[in-house]
Amino acid sequence: MASTDALGTAVYWHRELPPLQAEFMGEHVIETTSKRVPGTIAHREELWDDCYADLMEQTRVRLVGEIARLGGRYAHVLEETIDTRRNDAVGETWLQGRFRYALLR
């Protein structure tokens, strides 16, 4: 589902298509991370779901910022890679995402 902010900028995910009149400006890549959670086995699925939701929100906010910074109007996410990261020294786990997108005006 495309997300639109108060200014009308929109982020389109994968198969969602931006408006036909949108002009391609270039491809870009951003990386985002989720919040960190305890790296325990207990409640693993709930923690992953929580991290995933946070990662997607961080990505949406970052894309809206990049659209504004680069002078576009839309971002169409073409590809994503999400990996789990952990720091055993402090017992934390988080998700890191890399997103390739087309910037359009």
PDB file of N, CA and C in Angstrom:
ATOM      1  N   MET A   1       0.833  -1.178   0.000  1.00  0.00           N
ATOM      2  CA  MET A   1       0.000   0.000   0.000  1.00  0.00           C
ATOM      3  C   MET A   1       0.881   1.246   0.000  1.00  0.00           C
ATOM      4  N   ALA A   2       0.630   2.150  -0.890  1.00  0.00           N
ATOM      5  CA  ALA A   2       1.406   3.387  -0.975  1.00  0.00           C
ATOM      6  C   ALA A   2       1.138   4.225   0.265  1.00  0.00           C
ATOM      7  N   SER A   3       2.193   4.843   0.791  1.00  0.00           N
ATOM      8  CA  SER A   3       2.010   5.732   1.930  1.00  0.00           C
ATOM      9  C   SER A   3       2.240   7.159   1.462  1.00  0.00           C
ATOM     10  N   THR A   4       1.340   8.053   1.865  1.00  0.00           N
ATOM     11  CA  THR A   4       1.411   9.449   1.467  1.00  0.00           C
ATOM     12  C   THR A   4       1.497  10.301   2.714  1.00  0.00           C
ATOM     13  N   ASP A   5       2.395  11.293   2.709  1.00  0.00           N
ATOM     14  CA  ASP A   5       2.497  12.178   3.865  1.00  0.00           C
ATOM     15  C   ASP A   5       1.596  13.399   3.676  1.00  0.00           C
ATOM     16  N   ALA A   6       1.633  14.324   4.629  1.00  0.00           N
ATOM     17  CA  ALA A   6       0.763  15.501   4.601  1.00  0.00           C
ATOM     18  C   ALA A   6       1.026  16.399   3.391  1.00  0.00           C
ATOM     19  N   LEU A   7       2.234  16.351   2.835  1.00  0.00           N
ATOM     20  CA  LEU A   7       2.570  17.196   1.694  1.00  0.00           C
ATOM     21  C   LEU A   7       2.221  16.547   0.358  1.00  0.00           C
ATOM     22  N   GLY A   8       1.718  15.314   0.386  1.00  0.00           N
ATOM     23  CA  GLY A   8       1.330  14.637  -0.846  1.00  0.00           C
ATOM     24  C   GLY A   8       2.441  13.814  -1.470  1.00  0.00           C
ATOM     25  N   THR A   9       3.631  13.773  -0.851  1.00  0.00           N
ATOM     26  CA  THR A   9       4.682  12.910  -1.384  1.00  0.00           C
ATOM     27  C   THR A   9       4.324  11.473  -1.057  1.00  0.00           C
ATOM     28  N   ALA A  10       4.662  10.582  -1.941  1.00  0.00           N
ATOM     29  CA  ALA A  10       4.233   9.199  -1.765  1.00  0.00           C
ATOM     30  C   ALA A  10       5.379   8.235  -1.962  1.00  0.00           C
ATOM     31  N   VAL A  11       5.299   7.147  -1.211  1.00  0.00           N
ATOM     32  CA  VAL A  11       6.234   6.039  -1.348  1.00  0.00           C
ATOM     33  C   VAL A  11       5.430   4.852  -1.859  1.00  0.00           C
ATOM     34  N   TYR A  12       5.857   4.307  -2.983  1.00  0.00           N
ATOM     35  CA  TYR A  12       5.198   3.159  -3.592  1.00  0.00           C
ATOM     36  C   TYR A  12       6.104   1.951  -3.426  1.00  0.00           C
ATOM     37  N   TRP A  13       5.539   0.832  -2.996  1.00  0.00           N
ATOM     38  CA  TRP A  13       6.319  -0.366  -2.704  1.00  0.00           C
ATOM     39  C   TRP A  13       6.147  -1.396  -3.808  1.00  0.00           C
ATOM     40  N   HIS A  14       7.239  -1.844  -4.357  1.00  0.00           N
ATOM     41  CA  HIS A  14       7.348  -2.943  -5.306  1.00  0.00           C
ATOM     42  C   HIS A  14       6.332  -2.890  -6.447  1.00  0.00           C
ATOM     43  N   ARG A  15       5.267  -3.655  -6.382  1.00  0.00           N
ATOM     44  CA  ARG A  15       4.311  -3.754  -7.488  1.00  0.00           C
ATOM     45  C   ARG A  15       3.350  -2.585  -7.577  1.00  0.00           C
ATOM     46  N   GLU A  16       3.303  -1.739  -6.557  1.00  0.00           N
ATOM     47  CA  GLU A  16       2.465  -0.543  -6.625  1.00  0.00           C
ATOM     48  C   GLU A  16       3.095   0.405  -7.643  1.00  0.00           C
ATOM     49  N   LEU A  17       2.280   1.005  -8.447  1.00  0.00           N
ATOM     50  CA  LEU A  17       2.809   1.886  -9.484  1.00  0.00           C
ATOM     51  C   LEU A  17       2.501   3.346  -9.180  1.00  0.00           C
ATOM     52  N   PRO A  18       3.502   4.208  -9.332  1.00  0.00           N
ATOM     53  CA  PRO A  18       3.263   5.644  -9.160  1.00  0.00           C
ATOM     54  C   PRO A  18       2.416   6.166 -10.319  1.00  0.00           C
ATOM     55  N   PRO A  19       1.939   7.396 -10.232  1.00  0.00           N
ATOM     56  CA  PRO A  19       1.120   7.954 -11.322  1.00  0.00           C
ATOM     57  C   PRO A  19       1.842   7.891 -12.663  1.00  0.00           C
ATOM     58  N   LEU A  20       1.077   7.697 -13.729  1.00  0.00           N
ATOM     59  CA  LEU A  20       1.641   7.584 -15.074  1.00  0.00           C
ATOM     60  C   LEU A  20       2.393   8.833 -15.519  1.00  0.00           C
ATOM     61  N   GLN A  21       1.970   9.996 -15.048  1.00  0.00           N
ATOM     62  CA  GLN A  21       2.619  11.239 -15.465  1.00  0.00           C
ATOM     63  C   GLN A  21       3.953  11.483 -14.741  1.00  0.00           C
ATOM     64  N   ALA A  22       4.297  10.657 -13.772  1.00  0.00           N
ATOM     65  CA  ALA A  22       5.549  10.838 -13.024  1.00  0.00           C
ATOM     66  C   ALA A  22       6.758  10.621 -13.939  1.00  0.00           C
ATOM     67  N   GLU A  23       7.746  11.499 -13.797  1.00  0.00           N
ATOM     68  CA  GLU A  23       8.967  11.420 -14.599  1.00  0.00           C
ATOM     69  C   GLU A  23      10.109  10.841 -13.784  1.00  0.00           C
ATOM     70  N   PHE A  24      10.819   9.900 -14.368  1.00  0.00           N
ATOM     71  CA  PHE A  24      11.956   9.253 -13.727  1.00  0.00           C
ATOM     72  C   PHE A  24      13.096  10.254 -13.549  1.00  0.00           C
ATOM     73  N   MET A  25      13.676  10.311 -12.339  1.00  0.00           N
ATOM     74  CA  MET A  25      14.798  11.211 -12.061  1.00  0.00           C
ATOM     75  C   MET A  25      16.097  10.452 -11.787  1.00  0.00           C
ATOM     76  N   GLY A  26      15.989   9.178 -11.425  1.00  0.00           N
ATOM     77  CA  GLY A  26      17.190   8.406 -11.138  1.00  0.00           C
ATOM     78  C   GLY A  26      16.920   7.336 -10.097  1.00  0.00           C
ATOM     79  N   GLU A  27      17.891   6.434  -9.952  1.00  0.00           N
ATOM     80  CA  GLU A  27      17.801   5.378  -8.941  1.00  0.00           C
ATOM     81  C   GLU A  27      18.749   5.708  -7.800  1.00  0.00           C
ATOM     82  N   HIS A  28      18.320   5.355  -6.605  1.00  0.00           N
ATOM     83  CA  HIS A  28      19.113   5.615  -5.403  1.00  0.00           C
ATOM     84  C   HIS A  28      18.988   4.433  -4.459  1.00  0.00           C
ATOM     85  N   VAL A  29      19.868   4.396  -3.460  1.00  0.00           N
ATOM     86  CA  VAL A  29      19.851   3.353  -2.440  1.00  0.00           C
ATOM     87  C   VAL A  29      19.934   4.023  -1.075  1.00  0.00           C
ATOM     88  N   ILE A  30      19.120   3.553  -0.142  1.00  0.00           N
ATOM     89  CA  ILE A  30      19.246   3.989   1.246  1.00  0.00           C
ATOM     90  C   ILE A  30      19.382   2.755   2.125  1.00  0.00           C
ATOM     91  N   GLU A  31      19.972   2.946   3.290  1.00  0.00           N
ATOM     92  CA  GLU A  31      20.053   1.903   4.301  1.00  0.00           C
ATOM     93  C   GLU A  31      19.444   2.439   5.577  1.00  0.00           C
ATOM     94  N   THR A  32      18.667   1.599   6.243  1.00  0.00           N
ATOM     95  CA  THR A  32      18.054   1.983   7.511  1.00  0.00           C
ATOM     96  C   THR A  32      18.197   0.838   8.499  1.00  0.00           C
ATOM     97  N   THR A  33      18.038   1.164   9.770  1.00  0.00           N
ATOM     98  CA  THR A  33      18.084   0.147  10.813  1.00  0.00           C
ATOM     99  C   THR A  33      16.871   0.302  11.721  1.00  0.00           C
ATOM    100  N   SER A  34      16.486  -0.810  12.316  1.00  0.00           N
ATOM    101  CA  SER A  34      15.375  -0.794  13.260  1.00  0.00           C
ATOM    102  C   SER A  34      15.916  -0.480  14.649  1.00  0.00           C
ATOM    103  N   LYS A  35      14.987  -0.360  15.576  1.00  0.00           N
ATOM    104  CA  LYS A  35      15.401  -0.221  16.967  1.00  0.00           C
ATOM    105  C   LYS A  35      16.053  -1.522  17.413  1.00  0.00           C
ATOM    106  N   ARG A  36      16.786  -1.471  18.480  1.00  0.00           N
ATOM    107  CA  ARG A  36      17.462  -2.662  19.006  1.00  0.00           C
ATOM    108  C   ARG A  36      16.604  -3.290  20.100  1.00  0.00           C
ATOM    109  N   VAL A  37      16.576  -4.608  20.090  1.00  0.00           N
ATOM    110  CA  VAL A  37      15.799  -5.358  21.075  1.00  0.00           C
ATOM    111  C   VAL A  37      16.699  -6.406  21.712  1.00  0.00           C
ATOM    112  N   PRO A  38      16.281  -6.947  22.866  1.00  0.00           N
ATOM    113  CA  PRO A  38      17.093  -7.997  23.489  1.00  0.00           C
ATOM    114  C   PRO A  38      17.246  -9.190  22.550  1.00  0.00           C
ATOM    115  N   GLY A  39      18.455  -9.701  22.446  1.00  0.00           N
ATOM    116  CA  GLY A  39      18.738 -10.817  21.548  1.00  0.00           C
ATOM    117  C   GLY A  39      18.506 -12.158  22.204  1.00  0.00           C
ATOM    118  N   THR A  40      17.287 -12.395  22.674  1.00  0.00           N
ATOM    119  CA  THR A  40      16.956 -13.650  23.342  1.00  0.00           C
ATOM    120  C   THR A  40      16.135 -14.535  22.415  1.00  0.00           C
ATOM    121  N   ILE A  41      16.028 -15.804  22.780  1.00  0.00           N
ATOM    122  CA  ILE A  41      15.209 -16.730  22.005  1.00  0.00           C
ATOM    123  C   ILE A  41      13.732 -16.539  22.356  1.00  0.00           C
ATOM    124  N   ALA A  42      13.463 -16.111  23.579  1.00  0.00           N
ATOM    125  CA  ALA A  42      12.084 -15.928  24.026  1.00  0.00           C
ATOM    126  C   ALA A  42      11.395 -14.839  23.202  1.00  0.00           C
ATOM    127  N   HIS A  43      10.193 -15.121  22.777  1.00  0.00           N
ATOM    128  CA  HIS A  43       9.367 -14.163  22.030  1.00  0.00           C
ATOM    129  C   HIS A  43      10.050 -13.702  20.738  1.00  0.00           C
ATOM    130  N   ARG A  44      10.813 -14.565  20.128  1.00  0.00           N
ATOM    131  CA  ARG A  44      11.589 -14.202  18.933  1.00  0.00           C
ATOM    132  C   ARG A  44      10.716 -13.646  17.812  1.00  0.00           C
ATOM    133  N   GLU A  45       9.589 -14.303  17.526  1.00  0.00           N
ATOM    134  CA  GLU A  45       8.723 -13.827  16.436  1.00  0.00           C
ATOM    135  C   GLU A  45       8.136 -12.460  16.735  1.00  0.00           C
ATOM    136  N   GLU A  46       7.707 -12.246  17.972  1.00  0.00           N
ATOM    137  CA  GLU A  46       7.142 -10.943  18.342  1.00  0.00           C
ATOM    138  C   GLU A  46       8.200  -9.855  18.241  1.00  0.00           C
ATOM    139  N   LEU A  47       9.407 -10.140  18.673  1.00  0.00           N
ATOM    140  CA  LEU A  47      10.482  -9.157  18.585  1.00  0.00           C
ATOM    141  C   LEU A  47      10.821  -8.868  17.131  1.00  0.00           C
ATOM    142  N   TRP A  48      10.854  -9.912  16.282  1.00  0.00           N
ATOM    143  CA  TRP A  48      11.156  -9.702  14.868  1.00  0.00           C
ATOM    144  C   TRP A  48      10.064  -8.846  14.226  1.00  0.00           C
ATOM    145  N   ASP A  49       8.797  -9.156  14.518  1.00  0.00           N
ATOM    146  CA  ASP A  49       7.690  -8.376  13.963  1.00  0.00           C
ATOM    147  C   ASP A  49       7.786  -6.913  14.392  1.00  0.00           C
ATOM    148  N   ASP A  50       8.135  -6.679  15.654  1.00  0.00           N
ATOM    149  CA  ASP A  50       8.281  -5.329  16.183  1.00  0.00           C
ATOM    150  C   ASP A  50       9.427  -4.597  15.474  1.00  0.00           C
ATOM    151  N   CYS A  51      10.553  -5.272  15.303  1.00  0.00           N
ATOM    152  CA  CYS A  51      11.695  -4.681  14.604  1.00  0.00           C
ATOM    153  C   CYS A  51      11.356  -4.414  13.142  1.00  0.00           C
ATOM    154  N   TYR A  52      10.654  -5.341  12.507  1.00  0.00           N
ATOM    155  CA  TYR A  52      10.294  -5.175  11.101  1.00  0.00           C
ATOM    156  C   TYR A  52       9.384  -3.957  10.918  1.00  0.00           C
ATOM    157  N   ALA A  53       8.378  -3.822  11.788  1.00  0.00           N
ATOM    158  CA  ALA A  53       7.476  -2.671  11.708  1.00  0.00           C
ATOM    159  C   ALA A  53       8.251  -1.374  11.910  1.00  0.00           C
ATOM    160  N   ASP A  54       9.178  -1.360  12.847  1.00  0.00           N
ATOM    161  CA  ASP A  54       9.993  -0.175  13.095  1.00  0.00           C
ATOM    162  C   ASP A  54      10.899   0.123  11.900  1.00  0.00           C
ATOM    163  N   LEU A  55      11.495  -0.907  11.321  1.00  0.00           N
ATOM    164  CA  LEU A  55      12.358  -0.729  10.152  1.00  0.00           C
ATOM    165  C   LEU A  55      11.576  -0.121   8.994  1.00  0.00           C
ATOM    166  N   MET A  56      10.372  -0.613   8.743  1.00  0.00           N
ATOM    167  CA  MET A  56       9.563  -0.089   7.643  1.00  0.00           C
ATOM    168  C   MET A  56       9.159   1.366   7.902  1.00  0.00           C
ATOM    169  N   GLU A  57       8.856   1.718   9.136  1.00  0.00           N
ATOM    170  CA  GLU A  57       8.520   3.100   9.458  1.00  0.00           C
ATOM    171  C   GLU A  57       9.747   3.997   9.298  1.00  0.00           C
ATOM    172  N   GLN A  58      10.908   3.550   9.770  1.00  0.00           N
ATOM    173  CA  GLN A  58      12.149   4.316   9.600  1.00  0.00           C
ATOM    174  C   GLN A  58      12.453   4.512   8.115  1.00  0.00           C
ATOM    175  N   THR A  59      12.200   3.488   7.324  1.00  0.00           N
ATOM    176  CA  THR A  59      12.453   3.561   5.883  1.00  0.00           C
ATOM    177  C   THR A  59      11.499   4.548   5.223  1.00  0.00           C
ATOM    178  N   ARG A  60      10.231   4.502   5.584  1.00  0.00           N
ATOM    179  CA  ARG A  60       9.250   5.428   5.021  1.00  0.00           C
ATOM    180  C   ARG A  60       9.634   6.877   5.329  1.00  0.00           C
ATOM    181  N   VAL A  61       9.981   7.137   6.584  1.00  0.00           N
ATOM    182  CA  VAL A  61      10.378   8.488   6.988  1.00  0.00           C
ATOM    183  C   VAL A  61      11.621   8.928   6.218  1.00  0.00           C
ATOM    184  N   ARG A  62      12.579   8.032   6.099  1.00  0.00           N
ATOM    185  CA  ARG A  62      13.821   8.359   5.374  1.00  0.00           C
ATOM    186  C   ARG A  62      13.546   8.623   3.893  1.00  0.00           C
ATOM    187  N   LEU A  63      12.674   7.812   3.282  1.00  0.00           N
ATOM    188  CA  LEU A  63      12.346   8.020   1.869  1.00  0.00           C
ATOM    189  C   LEU A  63      11.639   9.357   1.647  1.00  0.00           C
ATOM    190  N   VAL A  64      10.719   9.703   2.512  1.00  0.00           N
ATOM    191  CA  VAL A  64      10.028  10.989   2.393  1.00  0.00           C
ATOM    192  C   VAL A  64      11.053  12.127   2.486  1.00  0.00           C
ATOM    193  N   GLY A  65      12.013  11.995   3.396  1.00  0.00           N
ATOM    194  CA  GLY A  65      13.069  12.994   3.513  1.00  0.00           C
ATOM    195  C   GLY A  65      13.941  13.064   2.272  1.00  0.00           C
ATOM    196  N   GLU A  66      14.264  11.918   1.699  1.00  0.00           N
ATOM    197  CA  GLU A  66      15.090  11.881   0.486  1.00  0.00           C
ATOM    198  C   GLU A  66      14.339  12.452  -0.715  1.00  0.00           C
ATOM    199  N   ILE A  67      13.041  12.186  -0.796  1.00  0.00           N
ATOM    200  CA  ILE A  67      12.235  12.761  -1.873  1.00  0.00           C
ATOM    201  C   ILE A  67      12.329  14.283  -1.815  1.00  0.00           C
ATOM    202  N   ALA A  68      12.141  14.839  -0.627  1.00  0.00           N
ATOM    203  CA  ALA A  68      12.202  16.296  -0.460  1.00  0.00           C
ATOM    204  C   ALA A  68      13.608  16.824  -0.740  1.00  0.00           C
ATOM    205  N   ARG A  69      14.620  16.152  -0.227  1.00  0.00           N
ATOM    206  CA  ARG A  69      15.998  16.612  -0.383  1.00  0.00           C
ATOM    207  C   ARG A  69      16.428  16.613  -1.841  1.00  0.00           C
ATOM    208  N   LEU A  70      15.998  15.609  -2.594  1.00  0.00           N
ATOM    209  CA  LEU A  70      16.415  15.468  -3.988  1.00  0.00           C
ATOM    210  C   LEU A  70      15.467  16.135  -4.988  1.00  0.00           C
ATOM    211  N   GLY A  71      14.410  16.757  -4.489  1.00  0.00           N
ATOM    212  CA  GLY A  71      13.500  17.490  -5.362  1.00  0.00           C
ATOM    213  C   GLY A  71      12.515  16.638  -6.131  1.00  0.00           C
ATOM    214  N   GLY A  72      12.200  15.461  -5.607  1.00  0.00           N
ATOM    215  CA  GLY A  72      11.234  14.591  -6.272  1.00  0.00           C
ATOM    216  C   GLY A  72       9.847  14.730  -5.684  1.00  0.00           C
ATOM    217  N   ARG A  73       8.988  13.848  -6.115  1.00  0.00           N
ATOM    218  CA  ARG A  73       7.626  13.823  -5.584  1.00  0.00           C
ATOM    219  C   ARG A  73       7.229  12.425  -5.125  1.00  0.00           C
ATOM    220  N   TYR A  74       7.848  11.404  -5.738  1.00  0.00           N
ATOM    221  CA  TYR A  74       7.513  10.018  -5.422  1.00  0.00           C
ATOM    222  C   TYR A  74       8.795   9.194  -5.308  1.00  0.00           C
ATOM    223  N   ALA A  75       8.688   8.113  -4.549  1.00  0.00           N
ATOM    224  CA  ALA A  75       9.736   7.094  -4.523  1.00  0.00           C
ATOM    225  C   ALA A  75       9.055   5.763  -4.791  1.00  0.00           C
ATOM    226  N   HIS A  76       9.623   4.995  -5.703  1.00  0.00           N
ATOM    227  CA  HIS A  76       9.095   3.663  -6.009  1.00  0.00           C
ATOM    228  C   HIS A  76      10.162   2.656  -5.593  1.00  0.00           C
ATOM    229  N   VAL A  77       9.918   1.951  -4.486  1.00  0.00           N
ATOM    230  CA  VAL A  77      10.881   0.972  -3.982  1.00  0.00           C
ATOM    231  C   VAL A  77      10.877  -0.221  -4.927  1.00  0.00           C
ATOM    232  N   LEU A  78      12.055  -0.518  -5.471  1.00  0.00           N
ATOM    233  CA  LEU A  78      12.198  -1.586  -6.455  1.00  0.00           C
ATOM    234  C   LEU A  78      12.734  -2.873  -5.853  1.00  0.00           C
ATOM    235  N   GLU A  79      13.573  -2.735  -4.847  1.00  0.00           N
ATOM    236  CA  GLU A  79      14.247  -3.910  -4.286  1.00  0.00           C
ATOM    237  C   GLU A  79      14.593  -3.641  -2.831  1.00  0.00           C
ATOM    238  N   GLU A  80      14.474  -4.665  -2.000  1.00  0.00           N
ATOM    239  CA  GLU A  80      14.877  -4.533  -0.599  1.00  0.00           C
ATOM    240  C   GLU A  80      15.613  -5.777  -0.146  1.00  0.00           C
ATOM    241  N   THR A  81      16.572  -5.555   0.723  1.00  0.00           N
ATOM    242  CA  THR A  81      17.304  -6.636   1.362  1.00  0.00           C
ATOM    243  C   THR A  81      17.304  -6.342   2.852  1.00  0.00           C
ATOM    244  N   ILE A  82      16.853  -7.300   3.643  1.00  0.00           N
ATOM    245  CA  ILE A  82      16.789  -7.104   5.085  1.00  0.00           C
ATOM    246  C   ILE A  82      17.589  -8.211   5.756  1.00  0.00           C
ATOM    247  N   ASP A  83      18.503  -7.805   6.634  1.00  0.00           N
ATOM    248  CA  ASP A  83      19.353  -8.747   7.355  1.00  0.00           C
ATOM    249  C   ASP A  83      19.232  -8.522   8.855  1.00  0.00           C
ATOM    250  N   THR A  84      19.465  -9.590   9.607  1.00  0.00           N
ATOM    251  CA  THR A  84      19.492  -9.501  11.058  1.00  0.00           C
ATOM    252  C   THR A  84      20.906  -9.170  11.499  1.00  0.00           C
ATOM    253  N   ARG A  85      21.014  -8.267  12.439  1.00  0.00           N
ATOM    254  CA  ARG A  85      22.299  -7.912  13.040  1.00  0.00           C
ATOM    255  C   ARG A  85      22.207  -8.172  14.530  1.00  0.00           C
ATOM    256  N   ARG A  86      23.359  -8.461  15.125  1.00  0.00           N
ATOM    257  CA  ARG A  86      23.363  -8.646  16.576  1.00  0.00           C
ATOM    258  C   ARG A  86      24.686  -8.220  17.169  1.00  0.00           C
ATOM    259  N   ASN A  87      24.611  -7.801  18.406  1.00  0.00           N
ATOM    260  CA  ASN A  87      25.788  -7.433  19.169  1.00  0.00           C
ATOM    261  C   ASN A  87      25.759  -8.283  20.432  1.00  0.00           C
ATOM    262  N   ASP A  88      26.523  -9.376  20.431  1.00  0.00           N
ATOM    263  CA  ASP A  88      26.520 -10.292  21.569  1.00  0.00           C
ATOM    264  C   ASP A  88      27.108  -9.671  22.824  1.00  0.00           C
ATOM    265  N   ALA A  89      27.972  -8.680  22.669  1.00  0.00           N
ATOM    266  CA  ALA A  89      28.589  -8.033  23.830  1.00  0.00           C
ATOM    267  C   ALA A  89      27.540  -7.354  24.714  1.00  0.00           C
ATOM    268  N   VAL A  90      26.500  -6.818  24.105  1.00  0.00           N
ATOM    269  CA  VAL A  90      25.448  -6.161  24.880  1.00  0.00           C
ATOM    270  C   VAL A  90      24.115  -6.903  24.780  1.00  0.00           C
ATOM    271  N   GLY A  91      24.072  -8.000  24.046  1.00  0.00           N
ATOM    272  CA  GLY A  91      22.872  -8.833  23.948  1.00  0.00           C
ATOM    273  C   GLY A  91      21.732  -8.190  23.179  1.00  0.00           C
ATOM    274  N   GLU A  92      22.057  -7.494  22.092  1.00  0.00           N
ATOM    275  CA  GLU A  92      21.026  -6.831  21.305  1.00  0.00           C
ATOM    276  C   GLU A  92      20.971  -7.381  19.884  1.00  0.00           C
ATOM    277  N   THR A  93      19.775  -7.301  19.318  1.00  0.00           N
ATOM    278  CA  THR A  93      19.527  -7.705  17.934  1.00  0.00           C
ATOM    279  C   THR A  93      18.722  -6.605  17.273  1.00  0.00           C
ATOM    280  N   TRP A  94      18.912  -6.425  15.953  1.00  0.00           N
ATOM    281  CA  TRP A  94      18.142  -5.447  15.192  1.00  0.00           C
ATOM    282  C   TRP A  94      18.148  -5.850  13.734  1.00  0.00           C
ATOM    283  N   LEU A  95      17.363  -5.165  12.949  1.00  0.00           N
ATOM    284  CA  LEU A  95      17.303  -5.416  11.512  1.00  0.00           C
ATOM    285  C   LEU A  95      17.960  -4.260  10.771  1.00  0.00           C
ATOM    286  N   GLN A  96      18.632  -4.599   9.685  1.00  0.00           N
ATOM    287  CA  GLN A  96      19.206  -3.588   8.807  1.00  0.00           C
ATOM    288  C   GLN A  96      18.658  -3.827   7.416  1.00  0.00           C
ATOM    289  N   GLY A  97      18.166  -2.766   6.793  1.00  0.00           N
ATOM    290  CA  GLY A  97      17.589  -2.869   5.466  1.00  0.00           C
ATOM    291  C   GLY A  97      18.338  -2.020   4.465  1.00  0.00           C
ATOM    292  N   ARG A  98      18.381  -2.513   3.252  1.00  0.00           N
ATOM    293  CA  ARG A  98      18.955  -1.774   2.119  1.00  0.00           C
ATOM    294  C   ARG A  98      17.860  -1.737   1.059  1.00  0.00           C
ATOM    295  N   PHE A  99      17.514  -0.524   0.604  1.00  0.00           N
ATOM    296  CA  PHE A  99      16.387  -0.331  -0.284  1.00  0.00           C
ATOM    297  C   PHE A  99      16.831   0.432  -1.530  1.00  0.00           C
ATOM    298  N   ARG A 100      16.584  -0.158  -2.695  1.00  0.00           N
ATOM    299  CA  ARG A 100      16.866   0.499  -3.970  1.00  0.00           C
ATOM    300  C   ARG A 100      15.536   1.045  -4.477  1.00  0.00           C
ATOM    301  N   TYR A 101      15.550   2.341  -4.843  1.00  0.00           N
ATOM    302  CA  TYR A 101      14.305   2.954  -5.281  1.00  0.00           C
ATOM    303  C   TYR A 101      14.522   3.891  -6.453  1.00  0.00           C
ATOM    304  N   ALA A 102      13.454   4.111  -7.191  1.00  0.00           N
ATOM    305  CA  ALA A 102      13.444   5.076  -8.285  1.00  0.00           C
ATOM    306  C   ALA A 102      12.836   6.357  -7.749  1.00  0.00           C
ATOM    307  N   LEU A 103      13.508   7.470  -7.995  1.00  0.00           N
ATOM    308  CA  LEU A 103      12.988   8.786  -7.608  1.00  0.00           C
ATOM    309  C   LEU A 103      12.270   9.361  -8.828  1.00  0.00           C
ATOM    310  N   LEU A 104      11.061   9.888  -8.587  1.00  0.00           N
ATOM    311  CA  LEU A 104      10.225  10.422  -9.680  1.00  0.00           C
ATOM    312  C   LEU A 104       9.700  11.799  -9.304  1.00  0.00           C
ATOM    313  N   ARG A 105       9.394  12.599 -10.338  1.00  0.00           N
ATOM    314  CA  ARG A 105       8.746  13.906 -10.088  1.00  0.00           C
ATOM    315  C   ARG A 105       7.476  14.013 -10.891  1.00  0.00           C
TER     316      ARG A 105
END
